[in-house]
PDB file of all heavy atoms in Angstrom:
ATOM      1  N   MET A   1       0.827  -1.168   0.008  1.00  0.00           N
ATOM      2  CA  MET A   1      -0.005   0.054   0.032  1.00  0.00           C
ATOM      3  C   MET A   1       0.883   1.269  -0.015  1.00  0.00           C
ATOM      4  O   MET A   1       0.568   2.258  -0.637  1.00  0.00           O
ATOM      5  CB  MET A   1      -0.943  -0.011   1.227  1.00  0.00           C
ATOM      6  CG  MET A   1      -1.968  -1.162   1.185  1.00  0.00           C
ATOM      7  SD  MET A   1      -2.930  -1.266   2.728  1.00  0.00           S
ATOM      8  CE  MET A   1      -3.774   0.288   2.685  1.00  0.00           C
ATOM      9  N   VAL A   2       2.000   1.178   0.755  1.00  0.00           N
ATOM     10  CA  VAL A   2       2.842   2.313   0.785  1.00  0.00           C
ATOM     11  C   VAL A   2       3.634   2.478  -0.539  1.00  0.00           C
ATOM     12  O   VAL A   2       3.928   3.573  -1.037  1.00  0.00           O
ATOM     13  CB  VAL A   2       3.877   2.184   1.924  1.00  0.00           C
ATOM     14  CG1 VAL A   2       4.838   3.356   1.985  1.00  0.00           C
ATOM     15  CG2 VAL A   2       3.114   2.043   3.276  1.00  0.00           C
ATOM     16  N   ALA A   3       4.057   1.324  -1.092  1.00  0.00           N
ATOM     17  CA  ALA A   3       4.881   1.348  -2.299  1.00  0.00           C
ATOM     18  C   ALA A   3       4.145   1.736  -3.608  1.00  0.00           C
ATOM     19  O   ALA A   3       4.745   2.354  -4.429  1.00  0.00           O
ATOM     20  CB  ALA A   3       5.491  -0.007  -2.517  1.00  0.00           C
ATOM     21  N   CYS A   4       2.880   1.414  -3.698  1.00  0.00           N
ATOM     22  CA  CYS A   4       2.106   1.662  -4.909  1.00  0.00           C
ATOM     23  C   CYS A   4       2.117   3.171  -5.283  1.00  0.00           C
ATOM     24  O   CYS A   4       1.562   4.014  -4.544  1.00  0.00           O
ATOM     25  CB  CYS A   4       0.712   1.132  -4.809  1.00  0.00           C
ATOM     26  SG  CYS A   4      -0.279   1.455  -6.310  1.00  0.00           S
ATOM     27  N   PRO A   5       2.655   3.499  -6.468  1.00  0.00           N
ATOM     28  CA  PRO A   5       2.638   5.000  -6.814  1.00  0.00           C
ATOM     29  C   PRO A   5       1.323   5.528  -7.258  1.00  0.00           C
ATOM     30  O   PRO A   5       1.074   6.707  -7.412  1.00  0.00           O
ATOM     31  CB  PRO A   5       3.629   4.985  -8.001  1.00  0.00           C
ATOM     32  CG  PRO A   5       3.533   3.609  -8.614  1.00  0.00           C
ATOM     33  CD  PRO A   5       3.283   2.698  -7.447  1.00  0.00           C
ATOM     34  N   PHE A   6       0.333   4.583  -7.389  1.00  0.00           N
ATOM     35  CA  PHE A   6      -1.010   5.005  -7.852  1.00  0.00           C
ATOM     36  C   PHE A   6      -2.076   4.899  -6.707  1.00  0.00           C
ATOM     37  O   PHE A   6      -3.247   5.057  -7.005  1.00  0.00           O
ATOM     38  CB  PHE A   6      -1.447   4.107  -9.033  1.00  0.00           C
ATOM     39  CG  PHE A   6      -0.465   4.140 -10.189  1.00  0.00           C
ATOM     40  CD1 PHE A   6       0.385   3.093 -10.439  1.00  0.00           C
ATOM     41  CD2 PHE A   6      -0.363   5.277 -10.977  1.00  0.00           C
ATOM     42  CE1 PHE A   6       1.307   3.116 -11.491  1.00  0.00           C
ATOM     43  CE2 PHE A   6       0.510   5.298 -12.075  1.00  0.00           C
ATOM     44  CZ  PHE A   6       1.379   4.238 -12.297  1.00  0.00           C
ATOM     45  N   ASN A   7      -1.638   4.609  -5.499  1.00  0.00           N
ATOM     46  CA  ASN A   7      -2.543   4.572  -4.376  1.00  0.00           C
ATOM     47  C   ASN A   7      -3.706   3.640  -4.542  1.00  0.00           C
ATOM     48  O   ASN A   7      -4.878   3.954  -4.262  1.00  0.00           O
ATOM     49  CB  ASN A   7      -3.096   5.971  -4.048  1.00  0.00           C
ATOM     50  CG  ASN A   7      -2.022   6.924  -3.705  1.00  0.00           C
ATOM     51  OD1 ASN A   7      -1.328   6.791  -2.732  1.00  0.00           O
ATOM     52  ND2 ASN A   7      -1.865   7.983  -4.525  1.00  0.00           N
ATOM     53  N   ILE A   8      -3.436   2.373  -5.014  1.00  0.00           N
ATOM     54  CA  ILE A   8      -4.479   1.439  -5.348  1.00  0.00           C
ATOM     55  C   ILE A   8      -4.805   0.393  -4.275  1.00  0.00           C
ATOM     56  O   ILE A   8      -5.907   0.271  -3.849  1.00  0.00           O
ATOM     57  CB  ILE A   8      -4.225   0.790  -6.668  1.00  0.00           C
ATOM     58  CG1 ILE A   8      -4.288   1.856  -7.806  1.00  0.00           C
ATOM     59  CG2 ILE A   8      -5.225  -0.321  -6.949  1.00  0.00           C
ATOM     60  CD1 ILE A   8      -5.658   2.525  -7.885  1.00  0.00           C
ATOM     61  N   PRO A   9      -3.809  -0.389  -3.826  1.00  0.00           N
ATOM     62  CA  PRO A   9      -4.166  -1.500  -2.891  1.00  0.00           C
ATOM     63  C   PRO A   9      -4.865  -0.950  -1.622  1.00  0.00           C
ATOM     64  O   PRO A   9      -4.483   0.096  -1.103  1.00  0.00           O
ATOM     65  CB  PRO A   9      -2.790  -2.058  -2.521  1.00  0.00           C
ATOM     66  CG  PRO A   9      -1.921  -1.743  -3.668  1.00  0.00           C
ATOM     67  CD  PRO A   9      -2.363  -0.417  -4.168  1.00  0.00           C
ATOM     68  N   ALA A  10      -5.904  -1.640  -1.223  1.00  0.00           N
ATOM     69  CA  ALA A  10      -6.687  -1.232  -0.078  1.00  0.00           C
ATOM     70  C   ALA A  10      -6.719  -2.444   0.896  1.00  0.00           C
ATOM     71  O   ALA A  10      -6.703  -3.573   0.470  1.00  0.00           O
ATOM     72  CB  ALA A  10      -8.053  -0.798  -0.442  1.00  0.00           C
ATOM     73  N   TYR A  11      -6.855  -2.131   2.183  1.00  0.00           N
ATOM     74  CA  TYR A  11      -6.844  -3.159   3.208  1.00  0.00           C
ATOM     75  C   TYR A  11      -8.278  -3.378   3.733  1.00  0.00           C
ATOM     76  O   TYR A  11      -8.978  -2.359   4.002  1.00  0.00           O
ATOM     77  CB  TYR A  11      -5.910  -2.780   4.346  1.00  0.00           C
ATOM     78  CG  TYR A  11      -5.466  -3.989   5.189  1.00  0.00           C
ATOM     79  CD1 TYR A  11      -4.731  -4.999   4.659  1.00  0.00           C
ATOM     80  CD2 TYR A  11      -5.697  -3.956   6.575  1.00  0.00           C
ATOM     81  CE1 TYR A  11      -4.251  -6.017   5.430  1.00  0.00           C
ATOM     82  CE2 TYR A  11      -5.244  -5.048   7.347  1.00  0.00           C
ATOM     83  CZ  TYR A  11      -4.516  -6.084   6.762  1.00  0.00           C
ATOM     84  OH  TYR A  11      -4.123  -7.163   7.531  1.00  0.00           O
ATOM     85  N   ASP A  12      -8.639  -4.601   3.864  1.00  0.00           N
ATOM     86  CA  ASP A  12     -10.016  -4.937   4.295  1.00  0.00           C
ATOM     87  C   ASP A  12     -10.128  -4.833   5.796  1.00  0.00           C
ATOM     88  O   ASP A  12     -10.248  -5.829   6.535  1.00  0.00           O
ATOM     89  CB  ASP A  12     -10.325  -6.386   3.801  1.00  0.00           C
ATOM     90  CG  ASP A  12     -11.800  -6.717   3.965  1.00  0.00           C
ATOM     91  OD1 ASP A  12     -12.581  -5.801   4.278  1.00  0.00           O
ATOM     92  OD2 ASP A  12     -12.154  -7.904   3.821  1.00  0.00           O
ATOM     93  N   TYR A  13     -10.025  -3.580   6.326  1.00  0.00           N
ATOM     94  CA  TYR A  13      -9.944  -3.387   7.772  1.00  0.00           C
ATOM     95  C   TYR A  13     -11.257  -3.891   8.505  1.00  0.00           C
ATOM     96  O   TYR A  13     -11.158  -4.337   9.680  1.00  0.00           O
ATOM     97  CB  TYR A  13      -9.780  -1.912   8.061  1.00  0.00           C
ATOM     98  CG  TYR A  13      -8.419  -1.387   7.727  1.00  0.00           C
ATOM     99  CD1 TYR A  13      -8.254  -0.624   6.541  1.00  0.00           C
ATOM    100  CD2 TYR A  13      -7.339  -1.550   8.619  1.00  0.00           C
ATOM    101  CE1 TYR A  13      -6.913  -0.139   6.237  1.00  0.00           C
ATOM    102  CE2 TYR A  13      -6.120  -1.090   8.281  1.00  0.00           C
ATOM    103  CZ  TYR A  13      -5.854  -0.356   7.111  1.00  0.00           C
ATOM    104  OH  TYR A  13      -4.679   0.130   6.784  1.00  0.00           O
ATOM    105  N   HIS A  14     -12.355  -3.845   7.863  1.00  0.00           N
ATOM    106  CA  HIS A  14     -13.615  -4.213   8.572  1.00  0.00           C
ATOM    107  C   HIS A  14     -13.774  -5.763   8.697  1.00  0.00           C
ATOM    108  O   HIS A  14     -14.680  -6.203   9.382  1.00  0.00           O
ATOM    109  CB  HIS A  14     -14.846  -3.680   7.861  1.00  0.00           C
ATOM    110  CG  HIS A  14     -15.083  -4.165   6.454  1.00  0.00           C
ATOM    111  ND1 HIS A  14     -14.534  -3.541   5.352  1.00  0.00           N
ATOM    112  CD2 HIS A  14     -15.696  -5.240   5.989  1.00  0.00           C
ATOM    113  CE1 HIS A  14     -14.874  -4.236   4.274  1.00  0.00           C
ATOM    114  NE2 HIS A  14     -15.531  -5.268   4.612  1.00  0.00           N
ATOM    115  N   ASN A  15     -12.842  -6.512   8.060  1.00  0.00           N
ATOM    116  CA  ASN A  15     -12.915  -7.954   8.242  1.00  0.00           C
ATOM    117  C   ASN A  15     -11.907  -8.293   9.327  1.00  0.00           C
ATOM    118  O   ASN A  15     -10.743  -8.553   9.066  1.00  0.00           O
ATOM    119  CB  ASN A  15     -12.491  -8.680   6.979  1.00  0.00           C
ATOM    120  CG  ASN A  15     -12.689 -10.177   6.988  1.00  0.00           C
ATOM    121  OD1 ASN A  15     -12.859 -10.769   8.070  1.00  0.00           O
ATOM    122  ND2 ASN A  15     -12.738 -10.799   5.811  1.00  0.00           N
ATOM    123  N   ALA A  16     -12.393  -8.419  10.604  1.00  0.00           N
ATOM    124  CA  ALA A  16     -11.507  -8.566  11.707  1.00  0.00           C
ATOM    125  C   ALA A  16     -10.839  -9.939  11.752  1.00  0.00           C
ATOM    126  O   ALA A  16      -9.728 -10.070  12.244  1.00  0.00           O
ATOM    127  CB  ALA A  16     -12.277  -8.341  13.016  1.00  0.00           C
ATOM    128  N   LEU A  17     -11.533 -10.975  11.261  1.00  0.00           N
ATOM    129  CA  LEU A  17     -10.983 -12.327  11.395  1.00  0.00           C
ATOM    130  C   LEU A  17     -10.000 -12.668  10.289  1.00  0.00           C
ATOM    131  O   LEU A  17      -9.004 -13.407  10.493  1.00  0.00           O
ATOM    132  CB  LEU A  17     -12.154 -13.329  11.372  1.00  0.00           C
ATOM    133  CG  LEU A  17     -13.160 -13.222  12.500  1.00  0.00           C
ATOM    134  CD1 LEU A  17     -14.212 -14.275  12.331  1.00  0.00           C
ATOM    135  CD2 LEU A  17     -12.451 -13.414  13.828  1.00  0.00           C
ATOM    136  N   ASN A  18     -10.205 -12.130   9.058  1.00  0.00           N
ATOM    137  CA  ASN A  18      -9.351 -12.492   7.991  1.00  0.00           C
ATOM    138  C   ASN A  18      -9.125 -11.264   7.045  1.00  0.00           C
ATOM    139  O   ASN A  18      -9.557 -11.339   5.891  1.00  0.00           O
ATOM    140  CB  ASN A  18      -9.863 -13.689   7.216  1.00  0.00           C
ATOM    141  CG  ASN A  18      -8.897 -14.168   6.171  1.00  0.00           C
ATOM    142  OD1 ASN A  18      -7.678 -14.109   6.346  1.00  0.00           O
ATOM    143  ND2 ASN A  18      -9.455 -14.729   5.064  1.00  0.00           N
ATOM    144  N   PRO A  19      -8.467 -10.231   7.511  1.00  0.00           N
ATOM    145  CA  PRO A  19      -8.268  -9.052   6.656  1.00  0.00           C
ATOM    146  C   PRO A  19      -7.354  -9.356   5.516  1.00  0.00           C
ATOM    147  O   PRO A  19      -6.333 -10.118   5.703  1.00  0.00           O
ATOM    148  CB  PRO A  19      -7.703  -7.982   7.624  1.00  0.00           C
ATOM    149  CG  PRO A  19      -7.048  -8.784   8.665  1.00  0.00           C
ATOM    150  CD  PRO A  19      -7.865 -10.070   8.829  1.00  0.00           C
ATOM    151  N   THR A  20      -7.577  -8.785   4.321  1.00  0.00           N
ATOM    152  CA  THR A  20      -6.681  -9.044   3.166  1.00  0.00           C
ATOM    153  C   THR A  20      -6.539  -7.726   2.450  1.00  0.00           C
ATOM    154  O   THR A  20      -7.259  -6.740   2.638  1.00  0.00           O
ATOM    155  CB  THR A  20      -7.316 -10.053   2.187  1.00  0.00           C
ATOM    156  OG1 THR A  20      -8.617  -9.629   1.829  1.00  0.00           O
ATOM    157  CG2 THR A  20      -7.424 -11.430   2.867  1.00  0.00           C
ATOM    158  N   VAL A  21      -5.479  -7.733   1.544  1.00  0.00           N
ATOM    159  CA  VAL A  21      -5.321  -6.568   0.649  1.00  0.00           C
ATOM    160  C   VAL A  21      -6.231  -6.877  -0.614  1.00  0.00           C
ATOM    161  O   VAL A  21      -6.287  -7.944  -1.090  1.00  0.00           O
ATOM    162  CB  VAL A  21      -3.829  -6.495   0.213  1.00  0.00           C
ATOM    163  CG1 VAL A  21      -3.681  -5.380  -0.892  1.00  0.00           C
ATOM    164  CG2 VAL A  21      -2.952  -6.171   1.388  1.00  0.00           C
ATOM    165  N   ARG A  22      -6.902  -5.861  -1.028  1.00  0.00           N
ATOM    166  CA  ARG A  22      -7.852  -6.032  -2.120  1.00  0.00           C
ATOM    167  C   ARG A  22      -7.667  -4.939  -3.205  1.00  0.00           C
ATOM    168  O   ARG A  22      -7.391  -3.798  -2.901  1.00  0.00           O
ATOM    169  CB  ARG A  22      -9.276  -5.969  -1.595  1.00  0.00           C
ATOM    170  CG  ARG A  22      -9.584  -7.168  -0.656  1.00  0.00           C
ATOM    171  CD  ARG A  22     -10.924  -6.920   0.118  1.00  0.00           C
ATOM    172  NE  ARG A  22     -12.103  -6.818  -0.712  1.00  0.00           N
ATOM    173  CZ  ARG A  22     -12.745  -7.884  -1.230  1.00  0.00           C
ATOM    174  NH1 ARG A  22     -12.261  -9.098  -0.959  1.00  0.00           N
ATOM    175  NH2 ARG A  22     -13.805  -7.761  -1.963  1.00  0.00           N
ATOM    176  N   LYS A  23      -7.797  -5.380  -4.467  1.00  0.00           N
ATOM    177  CA  LYS A  23      -7.705  -4.440  -5.583  1.00  0.00           C
ATOM    178  C   LYS A  23      -8.188  -5.144  -6.854  1.00  0.00           C
ATOM    179  O   LYS A  23      -8.463  -6.329  -6.836  1.00  0.00           O
ATOM    180  CB  LYS A  23      -6.224  -4.050  -5.795  1.00  0.00           C
ATOM    181  CG  LYS A  23      -5.331  -5.177  -6.301  1.00  0.00           C
ATOM    182  CD  LYS A  23      -3.965  -4.705  -6.659  1.00  0.00           C
ATOM    183  CE  LYS A  23      -3.203  -5.746  -7.488  1.00  0.00           C
ATOM    184  NZ  LYS A  23      -3.791  -5.925  -8.819  1.00  0.00           N
ATOM    185  N   CYS A  24      -8.279  -4.362  -7.918  1.00  0.00           N
ATOM    186  CA  CYS A  24      -8.583  -4.911  -9.261  1.00  0.00           C
ATOM    187  C   CYS A  24      -7.603  -5.920  -9.677  1.00  0.00           C
ATOM    188  O   CYS A  24      -6.385  -5.781  -9.542  1.00  0.00           O
ATOM    189  CB  CYS A  24      -8.688  -3.716 -10.229  1.00  0.00           C
ATOM    190  SG  CYS A  24      -8.529  -4.167 -11.956  1.00  0.00           S
ATOM    191  N   THR A  25      -8.102  -6.985 -10.300  1.00  0.00           N
ATOM    192  CA  THR A  25      -7.255  -8.068 -10.796  1.00  0.00           C
ATOM    193  C   THR A  25      -7.302  -8.150 -12.363  1.00  0.00           C
ATOM    194  O   THR A  25      -6.833  -9.079 -12.972  1.00  0.00           O
ATOM    195  CB  THR A  25      -7.669  -9.448 -10.237  1.00  0.00           C
ATOM    196  OG1 THR A  25      -8.988  -9.795 -10.739  1.00  0.00           O
ATOM    197  CG2 THR A  25      -7.658  -9.467  -8.746  1.00  0.00           C
ATOM    198  N   MET A  26      -7.888  -7.092 -12.975  1.00  0.00           N
ATOM    199  CA  MET A  26      -8.113  -7.061 -14.413  1.00  0.00           C
ATOM    200  C   MET A  26      -8.972  -8.281 -14.792  1.00  0.00           C
ATOM    201  O   MET A  26      -8.832  -8.807 -15.911  1.00  0.00           O
ATOM    202  CB  MET A  26      -6.799  -6.997 -15.212  1.00  0.00           C
ATOM    203  CG  MET A  26      -6.975  -6.423 -16.597  1.00  0.00           C
ATOM    204  SD  MET A  26      -5.429  -5.708 -17.301  1.00  0.00           S
ATOM    205  CE  MET A  26      -4.660  -7.287 -17.850  1.00  0.00           C
ATOM    206  N   CYS A  27      -9.794  -8.750 -13.857  1.00  0.00           N
ATOM    207  CA  CYS A  27     -10.658  -9.860 -14.091  1.00  0.00           C
ATOM    208  C   CYS A  27      -9.854 -11.127 -14.535  1.00  0.00           C
ATOM    209  O   CYS A  27     -10.181 -11.783 -15.519  1.00  0.00           O
ATOM    210  CB  CYS A  27     -11.742  -9.621 -15.058  1.00  0.00           C
ATOM    211  SG  CYS A  27     -12.967  -8.409 -14.466  1.00  0.00           S
ATOM    212  N   HIS A  28      -8.770 -11.381 -13.831  1.00  0.00           N
ATOM    213  CA  HIS A  28      -7.847 -12.496 -14.215  1.00  0.00           C
ATOM    214  C   HIS A  28      -8.598 -13.806 -14.404  1.00  0.00           C
ATOM    215  O   HIS A  28      -8.341 -14.557 -15.400  1.00  0.00           O
ATOM    216  CB  HIS A  28      -6.777 -12.667 -13.153  1.00  0.00           C
ATOM    217  CG  HIS A  28      -5.847 -13.764 -13.354  1.00  0.00           C
ATOM    218  ND1 HIS A  28      -4.985 -13.862 -14.417  1.00  0.00           N
ATOM    219  CD2 HIS A  28      -5.662 -14.930 -12.605  1.00  0.00           C
ATOM    220  CE1 HIS A  28      -4.296 -14.962 -14.356  1.00  0.00           C
ATOM    221  NE2 HIS A  28      -4.690 -15.681 -13.308  1.00  0.00           N
ATOM    222  N   PRO A  29      -9.532 -14.184 -13.530  1.00  0.00           N
ATOM    223  CA  PRO A  29     -10.266 -15.448 -13.775  1.00  0.00           C
ATOM    224  C   PRO A  29     -11.039 -15.447 -15.106  1.00  0.00           C
ATOM    225  O   PRO A  29     -11.063 -16.483 -15.801  1.00  0.00           O
ATOM    226  CB  PRO A  29     -11.237 -15.545 -12.589  1.00  0.00           C
ATOM    227  CG  PRO A  29     -10.608 -14.752 -11.495  1.00  0.00           C
ATOM    228  CD  PRO A  29      -9.934 -13.589 -12.203  1.00  0.00           C
ATOM    229  N   ARG A  30     -11.578 -14.310 -15.519  1.00  0.00           N
ATOM    230  CA  ARG A  30     -12.275 -14.198 -16.750  1.00  0.00           C
ATOM    231  C   ARG A  30     -11.289 -14.318 -17.948  1.00  0.00           C
ATOM    232  O   ARG A  30     -11.579 -14.953 -18.968  1.00  0.00           O
ATOM    233  CB  ARG A  30     -13.057 -12.914 -16.830  1.00  0.00           C
ATOM    234  CG  ARG A  30     -14.245 -12.838 -15.948  1.00  0.00           C
ATOM    235  CD  ARG A  30     -14.921 -11.439 -16.028  1.00  0.00           C
ATOM    236  NE  ARG A  30     -15.371 -11.115 -17.365  1.00  0.00           N
ATOM    237  CZ  ARG A  30     -16.572 -11.366 -17.836  1.00  0.00           C
ATOM    238  NH1 ARG A  30     -17.497 -12.002 -17.075  1.00  0.00           N
ATOM    239  NH2 ARG A  30     -16.882 -10.997 -19.110  1.00  0.00           N
ATOM    240  N   LEU A  31     -10.128 -13.685 -17.792  1.00  0.00           N
ATOM    241  CA  LEU A  31      -9.139 -13.797 -18.859  1.00  0.00           C
ATOM    242  C   LEU A  31      -8.716 -15.258 -19.063  1.00  0.00           C
ATOM    243  O   LEU A  31      -8.466 -15.698 -20.239  1.00  0.00           O
ATOM    244  CB  LEU A  31      -7.886 -12.967 -18.467  1.00  0.00           C
ATOM    245  CG  LEU A  31      -8.125 -11.440 -18.329  1.00  0.00           C
ATOM    246  CD1 LEU A  31      -6.797 -10.758 -18.062  1.00  0.00           C
ATOM    247  CD2 LEU A  31      -8.844 -10.867 -19.446  1.00  0.00           C
ATOM    248  N   GLU A  32      -8.608 -16.016 -18.004  1.00  0.00           N
ATOM    249  CA  GLU A  32      -8.190 -17.448 -18.129  1.00  0.00           C
ATOM    250  C   GLU A  32      -9.273 -18.257 -18.892  1.00  0.00           C
ATOM    251  O   GLU A  32      -8.993 -19.246 -19.470  1.00  0.00           O
ATOM    252  CB  GLU A  32      -7.981 -18.018 -16.763  1.00  0.00           C
ATOM    253  CG  GLU A  32      -6.709 -17.542 -16.091  1.00  0.00           C
ATOM    254  CD  GLU A  32      -6.454 -18.260 -14.786  1.00  0.00           C
ATOM    255  OE1 GLU A  32      -7.401 -18.483 -14.032  1.00  0.00           O
ATOM    256  OE2 GLU A  32      -5.274 -18.582 -14.545  1.00  0.00           O
ATOM    257  N   GLU A  33     -10.569 -17.698 -18.847  1.00  0.00           N
ATOM    258  CA  GLU A  33     -11.642 -18.357 -19.588  1.00  0.00           C
ATOM    259  C   GLU A  33     -11.785 -17.820 -20.948  1.00  0.00           C
ATOM    260  O   GLU A  33     -12.725 -18.205 -21.709  1.00  0.00           O
ATOM    261  CB  GLU A  33     -12.942 -18.172 -18.785  1.00  0.00           C
ATOM    262  CG  GLU A  33     -12.906 -18.819 -17.409  1.00  0.00           C
ATOM    263  CD  GLU A  33     -14.184 -18.510 -16.624  1.00  0.00           C
ATOM    264  OE1 GLU A  33     -15.095 -17.856 -17.192  1.00  0.00           O
ATOM    265  OE2 GLU A  33     -14.325 -18.957 -15.498  1.00  0.00           O
ATOM    266  N   GLY A  34     -10.964 -16.926 -21.367  1.00  0.00           N
ATOM    267  CA  GLY A  34     -11.055 -16.325 -22.707  1.00  0.00           C
ATOM    268  C   GLY A  34     -12.015 -15.189 -22.794  1.00  0.00           C
ATOM    269  O   GLY A  34     -12.426 -14.817 -23.912  1.00  0.00           O
ATOM    270  N   LYS A  35     -12.501 -14.624 -21.645  1.00  0.00           N
ATOM    271  CA  LYS A  35     -13.460 -13.556 -21.660  1.00  0.00           C
ATOM    272  C   LYS A  35     -12.773 -12.202 -21.473  1.00  0.00           C
ATOM    273  O   LYS A  35     -11.610 -12.106 -21.107  1.00  0.00           O
ATOM    274  CB  LYS A  35     -14.474 -13.773 -20.521  1.00  0.00           C
ATOM    275  CG  LYS A  35     -15.235 -15.049 -20.618  1.00  0.00           C
ATOM    276  CD  LYS A  35     -16.191 -15.198 -19.386  1.00  0.00           C
ATOM    277  CE  LYS A  35     -17.016 -16.480 -19.447  1.00  0.00           C
ATOM    278  NZ  LYS A  35     -17.887 -16.602 -18.237  1.00  0.00           N
ATOM    279  N   LEU A  36     -13.497 -11.152 -21.750  1.00  0.00           N
ATOM    280  CA  LEU A  36     -13.044  -9.839 -21.531  1.00  0.00           C
ATOM    281  C   LEU A  36     -13.139  -9.428 -20.034  1.00  0.00           C
ATOM    282  O   LEU A  36     -14.002  -9.966 -19.349  1.00  0.00           O
ATOM    283  CB  LEU A  36     -13.818  -8.813 -22.385  1.00  0.00           C
ATOM    284  CG  LEU A  36     -13.672  -8.870 -23.949  1.00  0.00           C
ATOM    285  CD1 LEU A  36     -14.690  -7.939 -24.570  1.00  0.00           C
ATOM    286  CD2 LEU A  36     -12.285  -8.501 -24.302  1.00  0.00           C
ATOM    287  N   PRO A  37     -12.325  -8.453 -19.581  1.00  0.00           N
ATOM    288  CA  PRO A  37     -12.634  -7.891 -18.239  1.00  0.00           C
ATOM    289  C   PRO A  37     -14.036  -7.358 -18.216  1.00  0.00           C
ATOM    290  O   PRO A  37     -14.548  -6.872 -19.164  1.00  0.00           O
ATOM    291  CB  PRO A  37     -11.567  -6.808 -18.117  1.00  0.00           C
ATOM    292  CG  PRO A  37     -10.473  -7.194 -19.072  1.00  0.00           C
ATOM    293  CD  PRO A  37     -11.148  -7.875 -20.248  1.00  0.00           C
ATOM    294  N   GLY A  38     -14.642  -7.461 -17.050  1.00  0.00           N
ATOM    295  CA  GLY A  38     -16.016  -7.066 -16.930  1.00  0.00           C
ATOM    296  C   GLY A  38     -16.297  -5.676 -17.329  1.00  0.00           C
ATOM    297  O   GLY A  38     -17.280  -5.344 -17.986  1.00  0.00           O
ATOM    298  N   CYS A  39     -15.437  -4.716 -16.950  1.00  0.00           N
ATOM    299  CA  CYS A  39     -15.602  -3.346 -17.297  1.00  0.00           C
ATOM    300  C   CYS A  39     -15.530  -3.062 -18.744  1.00  0.00           C
ATOM    301  O   CYS A  39     -16.295  -2.306 -19.336  1.00  0.00           O
ATOM    302  CB  CYS A  39     -14.566  -2.475 -16.528  1.00  0.00           C
ATOM    303  SG  CYS A  39     -12.890  -2.948 -16.851  1.00  0.00           S
ATOM    304  N   VAL A  40     -14.603  -3.729 -19.405  1.00  0.00           N
ATOM    305  CA  VAL A  40     -14.428  -3.553 -20.859  1.00  0.00           C
ATOM    306  C   VAL A  40     -15.666  -4.044 -21.614  1.00  0.00           C
ATOM    307  O   VAL A  40     -16.177  -3.456 -22.485  1.00  0.00           O
ATOM    308  CB  VAL A  40     -13.181  -4.368 -21.369  1.00  0.00           C
ATOM    309  CG1 VAL A  40     -13.080  -4.250 -22.904  1.00  0.00           C
ATOM    310  CG2 VAL A  40     -11.935  -3.789 -20.730  1.00  0.00           C
ATOM    311  N   GLU A  41     -16.164  -5.192 -21.168  1.00  0.00           N
ATOM    312  CA  GLU A  41     -17.435  -5.769 -21.755  1.00  0.00           C
ATOM    313  C   GLU A  41     -18.620  -4.901 -21.645  1.00  0.00           C
ATOM    314  O   GLU A  41     -19.507  -4.825 -22.472  1.00  0.00           O
ATOM    315  CB  GLU A  41     -17.659  -7.185 -21.168  1.00  0.00           C
ATOM    316  CG  GLU A  41     -18.723  -7.937 -21.883  1.00  0.00           C
ATOM    317  CD  GLU A  41     -18.849  -9.331 -21.321  1.00  0.00           C
ATOM    318  OE1 GLU A  41     -19.391  -9.490 -20.204  1.00  0.00           O
ATOM    319  OE2 GLU A  41     -18.427 -10.305 -22.002  1.00  0.00           O
ATOM    320  N   ALA A  42     -18.663  -4.157 -20.440  1.00  0.00           N
ATOM    321  CA  ALA A  42     -19.843  -3.378 -20.128  1.00  0.00           C
ATOM    322  C   ALA A  42     -19.801  -2.013 -20.746  1.00  0.00           C
ATOM    323  O   ALA A  42     -20.861  -1.349 -20.824  1.00  0.00           O
ATOM    324  CB  ALA A  42     -20.014  -3.291 -18.632  1.00  0.00           C
TER     325      ALA A  42
END
């Protein structure tokens, strides 16, 4: 979060039991299926 020059990674602070870093993945699972990113398709 500190290193990113574009201020993108966010921390899931409200998830007390299992907080994670969250951000756009360019719809990586969709790309593996041969699909477009959701935003591009829409």
